[in-house]
C-alpha atoms as a PDB file:
ATOM      1  CA  UNK A   1    -169.709 118.920-149.236  1.00  0.00           C
ATOM      2  CA  UNK A   2    -167.188 120.037-146.615  1.00  0.00           C
ATOM      3  CA  UNK A   3    -163.670 120.832-147.781  1.00  0.00           C
ATOM      4  CA  UNK A   4    -160.450 120.833-145.810  1.00  0.00           C
ATOM      5  CA  UNK A   5    -158.664 123.968-144.743  1.00  0.00           C
ATOM      6  CA  UNK A   6    -156.167 124.876-147.518  1.00  0.00           C
ATOM      7  CA  UNK A   7    -153.286 124.868-145.007  1.00  0.00           C
ATOM      8  CA  UNK A   8    -153.889 121.190-144.224  1.00  0.00           C
ATOM      9  CA  UNK A   9    -154.059 120.336-147.910  1.00  0.00           C
ATOM     10  CA  UNK A  10    -150.904 122.301-148.698  1.00  0.00           C
ATOM     11  CA  UNK A  11    -148.898 120.315-146.159  1.00  0.00           C
ATOM     12  CA  UNK A  12    -150.176 117.017-147.490  1.00  0.00           C
ATOM     13  CA  UNK A  13    -149.848 117.727-151.215  1.00  0.00           C
ATOM     14  CA  UNK A  14    -146.419 116.144-151.602  1.00  0.00           C
ATOM     15  CA  UNK A  15    -147.356 112.790-150.057  1.00  0.00           C
ATOM     16  CA  UNK A  16    -150.631 112.718-152.014  1.00  0.00           C
ATOM     17  CA  UNK A  17    -149.065 113.478-155.399  1.00  0.00           C
ATOM     18  CA  UNK A  18    -146.044 111.218-154.905  1.00  0.00           C
ATOM     19  CA  UNK A  19    -148.307 108.355-153.812  1.00  0.00           C
ATOM     20  CA  UNK A  20    -150.553 108.714-156.857  1.00  0.00           C
ATOM     21  CA  UNK A  21    -147.561 108.865-159.187  1.00  0.00           C
ATOM     22  CA  UNK A  22    -146.010 105.810-157.516  1.00  0.00           C
ATOM     23  CA  UNK A  23    -148.914 103.844-159.019  1.00  0.00           C
ATOM     24  CA  UNK A  24    -148.750 105.243-162.574  1.00  0.00           C
ATOM     25  CA  UNK A  25    -147.774 108.245-164.679  1.00  0.00           C
ATOM     26  CA  UNK A  26    -150.438 110.967-164.898  1.00  0.00           C
ATOM     27  CA  UNK A  27    -150.951 114.415-166.371  1.00  0.00           C
ATOM     28  CA  UNK A  28    -151.822 117.323-164.091  1.00  0.00           C
ATOM     29  CA  UNK A  29    -155.564 117.392-164.726  1.00  0.00           C
ATOM     30  CA  UNK A  30    -155.736 113.639-164.097  1.00  0.00           C
ATOM     31  CA  UNK A  31    -153.880 114.035-160.779  1.00  0.00           C
ATOM     32  CA  UNK A  32    -156.393 116.652-159.692  1.00  0.00           C
ATOM     33  CA  UNK A  33    -159.339 114.459-160.682  1.00  0.00           C
ATOM     34  CA  UNK A  34    -157.900 111.417-158.885  1.00  0.00           C
ATOM     35  CA  UNK A  35    -157.376 113.411-155.683  1.00  0.00           C
ATOM     36  CA  UNK A  36    -160.953 114.640-155.749  1.00  0.00           C
ATOM     37  CA  UNK A  37    -162.393 111.222-156.628  1.00  0.00           C
ATOM     38  CA  UNK A  38    -160.358 109.181-154.128  1.00  0.00           C
ATOM     39  CA  UNK A  39    -161.053 111.648-151.311  1.00  0.00           C
ATOM     40  CA  UNK A  40    -164.790 111.631-151.938  1.00  0.00           C
ATOM     41  CA  UNK A  41    -164.652 115.309-152.856  1.00  0.00           C
ATOM     42  CA  UNK A  42    -163.070 116.379-149.550  1.00  0.00           C
ATOM     43  CA  UNK A  43    -159.755 117.267-151.198  1.00  0.00           C
ATOM     44  CA  UNK A  44    -159.568 119.306-154.364  1.00  0.00           C
ATOM     45  CA  UNK A  45    -156.511 120.739-156.072  1.00  0.00           C
ATOM     46  CA  UNK A  46    -157.211 123.727-158.253  1.00  0.00           C
ATOM     47  CA  UNK A  47    -154.862 123.615-161.234  1.00  0.00           C
ATOM     48  CA  UNK A  48    -153.405 126.975-160.187  1.00  0.00           C
ATOM     49  CA  UNK A  49    -152.233 125.415-156.908  1.00  0.00           C
ATOM     50  CA  UNK A  50    -151.378 121.966-158.290  1.00  0.00           C
ATOM     51  CA  UNK A  51    -148.860 123.004-160.943  1.00  0.00           C
ATOM     52  CA  UNK A  52    -146.551 124.967-158.603  1.00  0.00           C
ATOM     53  CA  UNK A  53    -146.298 121.832-156.420  1.00  0.00           C
ATOM     54  CA  UNK A  54    -145.519 119.687-159.481  1.00  0.00           C
ATOM     55  CA  UNK A  55    -142.875 122.178-160.681  1.00  0.00           C
ATOM     56  CA  UNK A  56    -141.298 122.286-157.224  1.00  0.00           C
ATOM     57  CA  UNK A  57    -141.096 118.477-157.151  1.00  0.00           C
ATOM     58  CA  UNK A  58    -139.619 118.466-160.670  1.00  0.00           C
ATOM     59  CA  UNK A  59    -136.970 120.935-159.506  1.00  0.00           C
ATOM     60  CA  UNK A  60    -136.158 118.730-156.480  1.00  0.00           C
ATOM     61  CA  UNK A  61    -135.674 115.733-158.789  1.00  0.00           C
ATOM     62  CA  UNK A  62    -138.592 113.742-157.371  1.00  0.00           C
ATOM     63  CA  UNK A  63    -140.487 113.815-160.675  1.00  0.00           C
ATOM     64  CA  UNK A  64    -139.703 113.923-164.338  1.00  0.00           C
ATOM     65  CA  UNK A  65    -142.043 115.070-167.080  1.00  0.00           C
ATOM     66  CA  UNK A  66    -142.630 114.107-170.679  1.00  0.00           C
ATOM     67  CA  UNK A  67    -145.074 115.101-173.405  1.00  0.00           C
ATOM     68  CA  UNK A  68    -147.548 112.743-175.058  1.00  0.00           C
ATOM     69  CA  UNK A  69    -150.346 113.244-177.552  1.00  0.00           C
ATOM     70  CA  UNK A  70    -153.830 112.136-176.575  1.00  0.00           C
ATOM     71  CA  UNK A  71    -156.105 110.221-178.943  1.00  0.00           C
ATOM     72  CA  UNK A  72    -157.636 113.590-179.864  1.00  0.00           C
ATOM     73  CA  UNK A  73    -154.176 114.898-180.826  1.00  0.00           C
ATOM     74  CA  UNK A  74    -153.790 117.201-177.832  1.00  0.00           C
ATOM     75  CA  UNK A  75    -150.355 117.321-176.176  1.00  0.00           C
ATOM     76  CA  UNK A  76    -150.317 116.628-172.454  1.00  0.00           C
ATOM     77  CA  UNK A  77    -147.470 116.789-170.007  1.00  0.00           C
ATOM     78  CA  UNK A  78    -147.228 113.606-167.977  1.00  0.00           C
ATOM     79  CA  UNK A  79    -145.403 113.267-164.675  1.00  0.00           C
ATOM     80  CA  UNK A  80    -143.491 110.227-163.495  1.00  0.00           C
ATOM     81  CA  UNK A  81    -141.901 109.460-160.143  1.00  0.00           C
ATOM     82  CA  UNK A  82    -138.108 109.196-160.232  1.00  0.00           C
ATOM     83  CA  UNK A  83    -135.998 106.839-158.112  1.00  0.00           C
ATOM     84  CA  UNK A  84    -135.214 109.817-155.900  1.00  0.00           C
ATOM     85  CA  UNK A  85    -138.957 110.522-155.587  1.00  0.00           C
ATOM     86  CA  UNK A  86    -139.630 106.914-154.571  1.00  0.00           C
ATOM     87  CA  UNK A  87    -136.881 107.114-151.943  1.00  0.00           C
ATOM     88  CA  UNK A  88    -138.348 110.386-150.632  1.00  0.00           C
ATOM     89  CA  UNK A  89    -141.860 108.922-150.432  1.00  0.00           C
ATOM     90  CA  UNK A  90    -140.926 106.173-147.944  1.00  0.00           C
ATOM     91  CA  UNK A  91    -139.949 108.436-145.011  1.00  0.00           C
ATOM     92  CA  UNK A  92    -142.632 110.957-145.980  1.00  0.00           C
ATOM     93  CA  UNK A  93    -145.341 108.309-145.628  1.00  0.00           C
ATOM     94  CA  UNK A  94    -143.842 107.179-142.325  1.00  0.00           C
ATOM     95  CA  UNK A  95    -143.898 110.758-141.016  1.00  0.00           C
ATOM     96  CA  UNK A  96    -147.557 111.139-141.965  1.00  0.00           C
ATOM     97  CA  UNK A  97    -148.403 107.806-140.314  1.00  0.00           C
ATOM     98  CA  UNK A  98    -146.704 108.974-137.121  1.00  0.00           C
ATOM     99  CA  UNK A  99    -148.504 112.321-137.321  1.00  0.00           C
ATOM    100  CA  UNK A 100    -151.922 110.691-137.741  1.00  0.00           C
ATOM    101  CA  UNK A 101    -151.165 108.205-134.977  1.00  0.00           C
ATOM    102  CA  UNK A 102    -150.297 111.032-132.590  1.00  0.00           C
ATOM    103  CA  UNK A 103    -153.346 113.024-133.687  1.00  0.00           C
ATOM    104  CA  UNK A 104    -155.573 110.007-133.073  1.00  0.00           C
ATOM    105  CA  UNK A 105    -154.084 109.482-129.613  1.00  0.00           C
ATOM    106  CA  UNK A 106    -154.615 113.118-128.670  1.00  0.00           C
ATOM    107  CA  UNK A 107    -157.917 113.949-130.358  1.00  0.00           C
ATOM    108  CA  UNK A 108    -159.363 110.420-130.332  1.00  0.00           C
ATOM    109  CA  UNK A 109    -160.316 110.812-133.987  1.00  0.00           C
ATOM    110  CA  UNK A 110    -160.826 107.086-134.483  1.00  0.00           C
ATOM    111  CA  UNK A 111    -163.947 107.429-132.302  1.00  0.00           C
ATOM    112  CA  UNK A 112    -165.263 110.551-134.064  1.00  0.00           C
END
C-alpha cells in the first residue's frame, strides 16, 4: 500500500486530529487507528509522531486531556476539543478546502 510523504502528513495533522476530535473524545492510540482506517491505510501516524502534535495542541489550548480507566483497568489519556479548538478548526478546514481546490485546478487531480 502506498503511503504519503511525511511532509504532506505533517502539514495536515492538525486538521485531521481536530476533525476527529470534533466528533468524539479519543485516546492517542484510537486517533492513530481512526486515521489509518478512515484513510484506507494511506495515512498512518506513528505514536512517536502523534503525541508531539497532541501535546502542541494541548499547549495551544485547542485540546484538553483527561484520564479514564478502561474496562481492563488500564488508564488512558483521552483528548477532547476545546471551544478554542473548535473555533480554530473552522478556518483551518476552509484553508485546506481552498488549497485542494487550487491543487485540483492546477494539477487536474479530479481527473486522475
